[in-house]
PDB file of N, CA and C in Angstrom:
ATOM      1  N   UNK A   1     103.733  43.174  53.394  1.00  0.00           N
ATOM      2  CA  UNK A   1     102.868  42.083  53.013  1.00  0.00           C
ATOM      3  C   UNK A   1     101.585  42.167  53.836  1.00  0.00           C
ATOM      4  N   UNK A   2     100.448  41.972  53.173  1.00  0.00           N
ATOM      5  CA  UNK A   2      99.170  42.051  53.861  1.00  0.00           C
ATOM      6  C   UNK A   2      98.939  40.833  54.745  1.00  0.00           C
ATOM      7  N   UNK A   3      98.125  41.030  55.717  1.00  0.00           N
ATOM      8  CA  UNK A   3      97.744  39.927  56.596  1.00  0.00           C
ATOM      9  C   UNK A   3      96.331  39.493  56.228  1.00  0.00           C
ATOM     10  N   UNK A   4      96.171  38.230  55.922  1.00  0.00           N
ATOM     11  CA  UNK A   4      94.870  37.699  55.532  1.00  0.00           C
ATOM     12  C   UNK A   4      94.487  36.565  56.460  1.00  0.00           C
ATOM     13  N   UNK A   5      93.347  36.694  57.053  1.00  0.00           N
ATOM     14  CA  UNK A   5      92.836  35.633  57.915  1.00  0.00           C
ATOM     15  C   UNK A   5      91.695  34.882  57.238  1.00  0.00           C
ATOM     16  N   UNK A   6      91.252  35.334  56.081  1.00  0.00           N
ATOM     17  CA  UNK A   6      90.063  34.772  55.456  1.00  0.00           C
ATOM     18  C   UNK A   6      90.320  33.658  54.461  1.00  0.00           C
ATOM     19  N   UNK A   7      91.517  33.118  54.421  1.00  0.00           N
ATOM     20  CA  UNK A   7      91.820  32.072  53.448  1.00  0.00           C
ATOM     21  C   UNK A   7      90.930  30.851  53.653  1.00  0.00           C
ATOM     22  N   UNK A   8      90.782  30.427  54.897  1.00  0.00           N
ATOM     23  CA  UNK A   8      89.922  29.287  55.193  1.00  0.00           C
ATOM     24  C   UNK A   8      88.467  29.564  54.845  1.00  0.00           C
ATOM     25  N   UNK A   9      88.032  30.806  55.024  1.00  0.00           N
ATOM     26  CA  UNK A   9      86.670  31.182  54.682  1.00  0.00           C
ATOM     27  C   UNK A   9      86.429  31.029  53.183  1.00  0.00           C
ATOM     28  N   UNK A  10      87.369  31.520  52.383  1.00  0.00           N
ATOM     29  CA  UNK A  10      87.225  31.393  50.936  1.00  0.00           C
ATOM     30  C   UNK A  10      87.255  29.930  50.497  1.00  0.00           C
ATOM     31  N   UNK A  11      88.077  29.135  51.132  1.00  0.00           N
ATOM     32  CA  UNK A  11      88.137  27.719  50.786  1.00  0.00           C
ATOM     33  C   UNK A  11      86.851  27.004  51.183  1.00  0.00           C
ATOM     34  N   UNK A  12      86.272  27.380  52.309  1.00  0.00           N
ATOM     35  CA  UNK A  12      84.998  26.799  52.726  1.00  0.00           C
ATOM     36  C   UNK A  12      83.883  27.183  51.757  1.00  0.00           C
ATOM     37  N   UNK A  13      83.875  28.438  51.359  1.00  0.00           N
ATOM     38  CA  UNK A  13      82.880  28.888  50.381  1.00  0.00           C
ATOM     39  C   UNK A  13      83.046  28.132  49.071  1.00  0.00           C
ATOM     40  N   UNK A  14      84.289  27.897  48.660  1.00  0.00           N
ATOM     41  CA  UNK A  14      84.547  27.165  47.418  1.00  0.00           C
ATOM     42  C   UNK A  14      84.011  25.739  47.503  1.00  0.00           C
ATOM     43  N   UNK A  15      84.230  25.079  48.621  1.00  0.00           N
ATOM     44  CA  UNK A  15      83.754  23.694  48.774  1.00  0.00           C
ATOM     45  C   UNK A  15      82.226  23.650  48.796  1.00  0.00           C
ATOM     46  N   UNK A  16      81.600  24.558  49.534  1.00  0.00           N
ATOM     47  CA  UNK A  16      80.137  24.575  49.590  1.00  0.00           C
ATOM     48  C   UNK A  16      79.523  24.906  48.233  1.00  0.00           C
ATOM     49  N   UNK A  17      80.100  25.870  47.534  1.00  0.00           N
ATOM     50  CA  UNK A  17      79.580  26.231  46.215  1.00  0.00           C
ATOM     51  C   UNK A  17      79.760  25.083  45.228  1.00  0.00           C
ATOM     52  N   UNK A  18      80.870  24.367  45.311  1.00  0.00           N
ATOM     53  CA  UNK A  18      81.069  23.209  44.439  1.00  0.00           C
ATOM     54  C   UNK A  18      80.033  22.129  44.756  1.00  0.00           C
ATOM     55  N   UNK A  19      79.737  21.929  46.031  1.00  0.00           N
ATOM     56  CA  UNK A  19      78.715  20.954  46.423  1.00  0.00           C
ATOM     57  C   UNK A  19      77.355  21.332  45.834  1.00  0.00           C
ATOM     58  N   UNK A  20      76.979  22.612  45.947  1.00  0.00           N
ATOM     59  CA  UNK A  20      75.696  23.052  45.406  1.00  0.00           C
ATOM     60  C   UNK A  20      75.670  22.959  43.879  1.00  0.00           C
ATOM     61  N   UNK A  21      76.815  23.201  43.232  1.00  0.00           N
ATOM     62  CA  UNK A  21      76.880  23.076  41.773  1.00  0.00           C
ATOM     63  C   UNK A  21      76.649  21.627  41.349  1.00  0.00           C
ATOM     64  N   UNK A  22      77.238  20.690  42.068  1.00  0.00           N
ATOM     65  CA  UNK A  22      77.032  19.271  41.753  1.00  0.00           C
ATOM     66  C   UNK A  22      75.582  18.873  42.008  1.00  0.00           C
ATOM     67  N   UNK A  23      75.014  19.357  43.099  1.00  0.00           N
ATOM     68  CA  UNK A  23      73.616  19.048  43.404  1.00  0.00           C
ATOM     69  C   UNK A  23      72.690  19.588  42.314  1.00  0.00           C
ATOM     70  N   UNK A  24      72.932  20.801  41.843  1.00  0.00           N
ATOM     71  CA  UNK A  24      72.115  21.351  40.763  1.00  0.00           C
ATOM     72  C   UNK A  24      72.363  20.599  39.463  1.00  0.00           C
ATOM     73  N   UNK A  25      73.563  20.088  39.276  1.00  0.00           N
ATOM     74  CA  UNK A  25      73.837  19.262  38.096  1.00  0.00           C
ATOM     75  C   UNK A  25      73.012  17.991  38.102  1.00  0.00           C
ATOM     76  N   UNK A  26      72.878  17.365  39.265  1.00  0.00           N
ATOM     77  CA  UNK A  26      72.033  16.181  39.373  1.00  0.00           C
ATOM     78  C   UNK A  26      70.564  16.529  39.148  1.00  0.00           C
ATOM     79  N   UNK A  27      70.140  17.675  39.692  1.00  0.00           N
ATOM     80  CA  UNK A  27      68.756  18.110  39.460  1.00  0.00           C
ATOM     81  C   UNK A  27      68.504  18.342  37.985  1.00  0.00           C
ATOM     82  N   UNK A  28      69.481  18.983  37.302  1.00  0.00           N
ATOM     83  CA  UNK A  28      69.333  19.235  35.879  1.00  0.00           C
ATOM     84  C   UNK A  28      69.230  17.927  35.103  1.00  0.00           C
ATOM     85  N   UNK A  29      70.100  16.969  35.406  1.00  0.00           N
ATOM     86  CA  UNK A  29      70.076  15.691  34.703  1.00  0.00           C
ATOM     87  C   UNK A  29      68.783  14.942  34.919  1.00  0.00           C
ATOM     88  N   UNK A  30      68.276  14.964  36.142  1.00  0.00           N
ATOM     89  CA  UNK A  30      67.025  14.280  36.451  1.00  0.00           C
ATOM     90  C   UNK A  30      65.860  14.916  35.703  1.00  0.00           C
ATOM     91  N   UNK A  31      65.791  16.207  35.725  1.00  0.00           N
ATOM     92  CA  UNK A  31      64.668  16.889  35.062  1.00  0.00           C
ATOM     93  C   UNK A  31      64.771  16.791  33.549  1.00  0.00           C
ATOM     94  N   UNK A  32      65.996  16.816  33.030  1.00  0.00           N
ATOM     95  CA  UNK A  32      66.165  16.655  31.585  1.00  0.00           C
ATOM     96  C   UNK A  32      65.671  15.269  31.163  1.00  0.00           C
ATOM     97  N   UNK A  33      66.022  14.253  31.936  1.00  0.00           N
ATOM     98  CA  UNK A  33      65.594  12.889  31.640  1.00  0.00           C
ATOM     99  C   UNK A  33      64.075  12.764  31.699  1.00  0.00           C
ATOM    100  N   UNK A  34      63.480  13.344  32.732  1.00  0.00           N
ATOM    101  CA  UNK A  34      62.022  13.272  32.871  1.00  0.00           C
ATOM    102  C   UNK A  34      61.342  14.007  31.728  1.00  0.00           C
ATOM    103  N   UNK A  35      61.892  15.154  31.324  1.00  0.00           N
ATOM    104  CA  UNK A  35      61.264  15.902  30.229  1.00  0.00           C
ATOM    105  C   UNK A  35      61.343  15.131  28.920  1.00  0.00           C
ATOM    106  N   UNK A  36      62.411  14.372  28.697  1.00  0.00           N
ATOM    107  CA  UNK A  36      62.484  13.564  27.478  1.00  0.00           C
ATOM    108  C   UNK A  36      61.532  12.374  27.544  1.00  0.00           C
ATOM    109  N   UNK A  37      61.253  11.866  28.744  1.00  0.00           N
ATOM    110  CA  UNK A  37      60.302  10.768  28.871  1.00  0.00           C
ATOM    111  C   UNK A  37      58.888  11.219  28.522  1.00  0.00           C
ATOM    112  N   UNK A  38      58.554  12.459  28.872  1.00  0.00           N
ATOM    113  CA  UNK A  38      57.206  12.965  28.632  1.00  0.00           C
ATOM    114  C   UNK A  38      57.098  13.747  27.329  1.00  0.00           C
ATOM    115  N   UNK A  39      58.141  13.750  26.517  1.00  0.00           N
ATOM    116  CA  UNK A  39      58.111  14.531  25.281  1.00  0.00           C
ATOM    117  C   UNK A  39      57.056  14.014  24.307  1.00  0.00           C
ATOM    118  N   UNK A  40      56.865  12.715  24.276  1.00  0.00           N
ATOM    119  CA  UNK A  40      55.890  12.134  23.361  1.00  0.00           C
ATOM    120  C   UNK A  40      54.556  11.831  24.045  1.00  0.00           C
ATOM    121  N   UNK A  41      54.363  12.366  25.226  1.00  0.00           N
ATOM    122  CA  UNK A  41      53.133  12.089  25.978  1.00  0.00           C
ATOM    123  C   UNK A  41      51.968  12.901  25.407  1.00  0.00           C
ATOM    124  N   UNK A  42      50.817  12.664  25.972  1.00  0.00           N
ATOM    125  CA  UNK A  42      49.619  13.386  25.527  1.00  0.00           C
ATOM    126  C   UNK A  42      49.655  14.857  25.917  1.00  0.00           C
ATOM    127  N   UNK A  43      50.432  15.183  26.930  1.00  0.00           N
ATOM    128  CA  UNK A  43      50.490  16.560  27.431  1.00  0.00           C
ATOM    129  C   UNK A  43      51.892  17.120  27.219  1.00  0.00           C
ATOM    130  N   UNK A  44      52.171  17.702  26.051  1.00  0.00           N
ATOM    131  CA  UNK A  44      53.518  18.225  25.804  1.00  0.00           C
ATOM    132  C   UNK A  44      53.857  19.459  26.643  1.00  0.00           C
ATOM    133  N   UNK A  45      52.843  20.130  27.196  1.00  0.00           N
ATOM    134  CA  UNK A  45      53.097  21.306  28.031  1.00  0.00           C
ATOM    135  C   UNK A  45      53.831  20.895  29.303  1.00  0.00           C
ATOM    136  N   UNK A  46      53.462  19.738  29.847  1.00  0.00           N
ATOM    137  CA  UNK A  46      54.145  19.244  31.050  1.00  0.00           C
ATOM    138  C   UNK A  46      55.632  19.009  30.767  1.00  0.00           C
ATOM    139  N   UNK A  47      55.932  18.475  29.598  1.00  0.00           N
ATOM    140  CA  UNK A  47      57.329  18.261  29.218  1.00  0.00           C
ATOM    141  C   UNK A  47      58.074  19.588  29.137  1.00  0.00           C
ATOM    142  N   UNK A  48      57.427  20.602  28.596  1.00  0.00           N
ATOM    143  CA  UNK A  48      58.074  21.911  28.485  1.00  0.00           C
ATOM    144  C   UNK A  48      58.268  22.558  29.852  1.00  0.00           C
ATOM    145  N   UNK A  49      57.343  22.342  30.775  1.00  0.00           N
ATOM    146  CA  UNK A  49      57.499  22.872  32.132  1.00  0.00           C
ATOM    147  C   UNK A  49      58.690  22.222  32.833  1.00  0.00           C
ATOM    148  N   UNK A  50      58.810  20.905  32.694  1.00  0.00           N
ATOM    149  CA  UNK A  50      59.950  20.207  33.296  1.00  0.00           C
ATOM    150  C   UNK A  50      61.243  20.660  32.642  1.00  0.00           C
ATOM    151  N   UNK A  51      61.207  20.860  31.329  1.00  0.00           N
ATOM    152  CA  UNK A  51      62.405  21.317  30.617  1.00  0.00           C
ATOM    153  C   UNK A  51      62.812  22.713  31.080  1.00  0.00           C
ATOM    154  N   UNK A  52      61.844  23.581  31.354  1.00  0.00           N
ATOM    155  CA  UNK A  52      62.151  24.919  31.862  1.00  0.00           C
ATOM    156  C   UNK A  52      62.781  24.830  33.253  1.00  0.00           C
ATOM    157  N   UNK A  53      62.276  23.921  34.088  1.00  0.00           N
ATOM    158  CA  UNK A  53      62.879  23.737  35.413  1.00  0.00           C
ATOM    159  C   UNK A  53      64.283  23.157  35.291  1.00  0.00           C
ATOM    160  N   UNK A  54      64.497  22.297  34.304  1.00  0.00           N
ATOM    161  CA  UNK A  54      65.838  21.759  34.070  1.00  0.00           C
ATOM    162  C   UNK A  54      66.795  22.873  33.661  1.00  0.00           C
ATOM    163  N   UNK A  55      66.320  23.782  32.837  1.00  0.00           N
ATOM    164  CA  UNK A  55      67.145  24.917  32.427  1.00  0.00           C
ATOM    165  C   UNK A  55      67.492  25.802  33.625  1.00  0.00           C
ATOM    166  N   UNK A  56      66.520  26.038  34.496  1.00  0.00           N
ATOM    167  CA  UNK A  56      66.786  26.828  35.708  1.00  0.00           C
ATOM    168  C   UNK A  56      67.845  26.152  36.583  1.00  0.00           C
ATOM    169  N   UNK A  57      67.744  24.833  36.737  1.00  0.00           N
ATOM    170  CA  UNK A  57      68.734  24.105  37.541  1.00  0.00           C
ATOM    171  C   UNK A  57      70.113  24.186  36.902  1.00  0.00           C
ATOM    172  N   UNK A  58      70.170  24.147  35.571  1.00  0.00           N
ATOM    173  CA  UNK A  58      71.454  24.260  34.878  1.00  0.00           C
ATOM    174  C   UNK A  58      72.083  25.629  35.107  1.00  0.00           C
ATOM    175  N   UNK A  59      71.282  26.671  34.989  1.00  0.00           N
ATOM    176  CA  UNK A  59      71.798  28.028  35.199  1.00  0.00           C
ATOM    177  C   UNK A  59      72.264  28.211  36.640  1.00  0.00           C
ATOM    178  N   UNK A  60      71.484  27.734  37.609  1.00  0.00           N
ATOM    179  CA  UNK A  60      71.896  27.844  39.013  1.00  0.00           C
ATOM    180  C   UNK A  60      73.182  27.067  39.262  1.00  0.00           C
ATOM    181  N   UNK A  61      73.299  25.884  38.681  1.00  0.00           N
ATOM    182  CA  UNK A  61      74.515  25.090  38.839  1.00  0.00           C
ATOM    183  C   UNK A  61      75.735  25.795  38.259  1.00  0.00           C
ATOM    184  N   UNK A  62      75.570  26.433  37.111  1.00  0.00           N
ATOM    185  CA  UNK A  62      76.698  27.155  36.514  1.00  0.00           C
ATOM    186  C   UNK A  62      77.099  28.370  37.347  1.00  0.00           C
ATOM    187  N   UNK A  63      76.104  29.045  37.917  1.00  0.00           N
ATOM    188  CA  UNK A  63      76.413  30.185  38.794  1.00  0.00           C
ATOM    189  C   UNK A  63      77.183  29.705  40.021  1.00  0.00           C
ATOM    190  N   UNK A  64      76.735  28.592  40.633  1.00  0.00           N
ATOM    191  CA  UNK A  64      77.455  28.043  41.792  1.00  0.00           C
ATOM    192  C   UNK A  64      78.863  27.625  41.407  1.00  0.00           C
ATOM    193  N   UNK A  65      79.025  27.089  40.191  1.00  0.00           N
ATOM    194  CA  UNK A  65      80.350  26.680  39.739  1.00  0.00           C
ATOM    195  C   UNK A  65      81.279  27.879  39.581  1.00  0.00           C
ATOM    196  N   UNK A  66      80.778  28.966  39.052  1.00  0.00           N
ATOM    197  CA  UNK A  66      81.589  30.185  38.924  1.00  0.00           C
ATOM    198  C   UNK A  66      81.959  30.717  40.307  1.00  0.00           C
ATOM    199  N   UNK A  67      81.012  30.715  41.228  1.00  0.00           N
ATOM    200  CA  UNK A  67      81.310  31.164  42.594  1.00  0.00           C
ATOM    201  C   UNK A  67      82.380  30.275  43.217  1.00  0.00           C
ATOM    202  N   UNK A  68      82.278  28.963  43.007  1.00  0.00           N
ATOM    203  CA  UNK A  68      83.270  28.039  43.562  1.00  0.00           C
ATOM    204  C   UNK A  68      84.648  28.294  42.972  1.00  0.00           C
ATOM    205  N   UNK A  69      84.718  28.531  41.674  1.00  0.00           N
ATOM    206  CA  UNK A  69      86.013  28.782  41.039  1.00  0.00           C
ATOM    207  C   UNK A  69      86.643  30.087  41.515  1.00  0.00           C
ATOM    208  N   UNK A  70      85.845  31.124  41.631  1.00  0.00           N
ATOM    209  CA  UNK A  70      86.377  32.409  42.098  1.00  0.00           C
ATOM    210  C   UNK A  70      86.834  32.308  43.552  1.00  0.00           C
ATOM    211  N   UNK A  71      86.025  31.684  44.394  1.00  0.00           N
ATOM    212  CA  UNK A  71      86.404  31.548  45.810  1.00  0.00           C
ATOM    213  C   UNK A  71      87.644  30.669  45.967  1.00  0.00           C
ATOM    214  N   UNK A  72      87.747  29.609  45.172  1.00  0.00           N
ATOM    215  CA  UNK A  72      88.931  28.756  45.249  1.00  0.00           C
ATOM    216  C   UNK A  72      90.172  29.514  44.782  1.00  0.00           C
ATOM    217  N   UNK A  73      90.032  30.310  43.726  1.00  0.00           N
ATOM    218  CA  UNK A  73      91.173  31.082  43.234  1.00  0.00           C
ATOM    219  C   UNK A  73      91.625  32.110  44.268  1.00  0.00           C
ATOM    220  N   UNK A  74      90.654  32.806  44.862  1.00  0.00           N
ATOM    221  CA  UNK A  74      91.006  33.809  45.875  1.00  0.00           C
ATOM    222  C   UNK A  74      91.622  33.132  47.098  1.00  0.00           C
ATOM    223  N   UNK A  75      91.036  32.017  47.528  1.00  0.00           N
ATOM    224  CA  UNK A  75      91.589  31.298  48.675  1.00  0.00           C
ATOM    225  C   UNK A  75      92.976  30.739  48.401  1.00  0.00           C
ATOM    226  N   UNK A  76      93.235  30.365  47.161  1.00  0.00           N
ATOM    227  CA  UNK A  76      94.549  29.830  46.796  1.00  0.00           C
ATOM    228  C   UNK A  76      95.589  30.937  46.722  1.00  0.00           C
ATOM    229  N   UNK A  77      95.185  32.134  46.288  1.00  0.00           N
ATOM    230  CA  UNK A  77      96.119  33.241  46.105  1.00  0.00           C
ATOM    231  C   UNK A  77      96.465  33.978  47.395  1.00  0.00           C
ATOM    232  N   UNK A  78      95.612  33.889  48.398  1.00  0.00           N
ATOM    233  CA  UNK A  78      95.891  34.588  49.649  1.00  0.00           C
ATOM    234  C   UNK A  78      97.054  33.929  50.367  1.00  0.00           C
ATOM    235  N   UNK A  79      97.889  34.721  50.951  1.00  0.00           N
ATOM    236  CA  UNK A  79      99.031  34.215  51.713  1.00  0.00           C
ATOM    237  C   UNK A  79      98.693  34.305  53.199  1.00  0.00           C
ATOM    238  N   UNK A  80      99.076  33.267  53.917  1.00  0.00           N
ATOM    239  CA  UNK A  80      98.823  33.251  55.347  1.00  0.00           C
ATOM    240  C   UNK A  80     100.049  33.810  56.048  1.00  0.00           C
ATOM    241  N   UNK A  81      99.836  34.873  56.799  1.00  0.00           N
ATOM    242  CA  UNK A  81     100.923  35.515  57.537  1.00  0.00           C
ATOM    243  C   UNK A  81     100.558  35.442  59.007  1.00  0.00           C
ATOM    244  N   UNK A  82     101.432  34.911  59.820  1.00  0.00           N
ATOM    245  CA  UNK A  82     101.135  34.857  61.259  1.00  0.00           C
ATOM    246  C   UNK A  82     100.941  36.254  61.825  1.00  0.00           C
ATOM    247  N   UNK A  83      99.915  36.401  62.619  1.00  0.00           N
ATOM    248  CA  UNK A  83      99.622  37.693  63.252  1.00  0.00           C
ATOM    249  C   UNK A  83     100.071  37.606  64.702  1.00  0.00           C
ATOM    250  N   UNK A  84     100.911  38.554  65.072  1.00  0.00           N
ATOM    251  CA  UNK A  84     101.448  38.542  66.429  1.00  0.00           C
ATOM    252  C   UNK A  84     100.477  39.105  67.427  1.00  0.00           C
TER     253      UNK A  84
END
């Protein structure tokens, strides 16, 4: 049986990545809301710029979510073996 000391590291990475995914989710929601507020404004280009930033936040949030899921799975699958 292999000896793994990095289980806590993977779990820490999973928690941090989940935190960043939630933060990017809030950024996406805020920017999406702002872009819909300015959709009927005199300057539709500004709305499209905010919408593009909202899309970037969504993509970053999804990437962080995938990292969190992979790190949590790896941290869950590792077995802790006492090292003498």
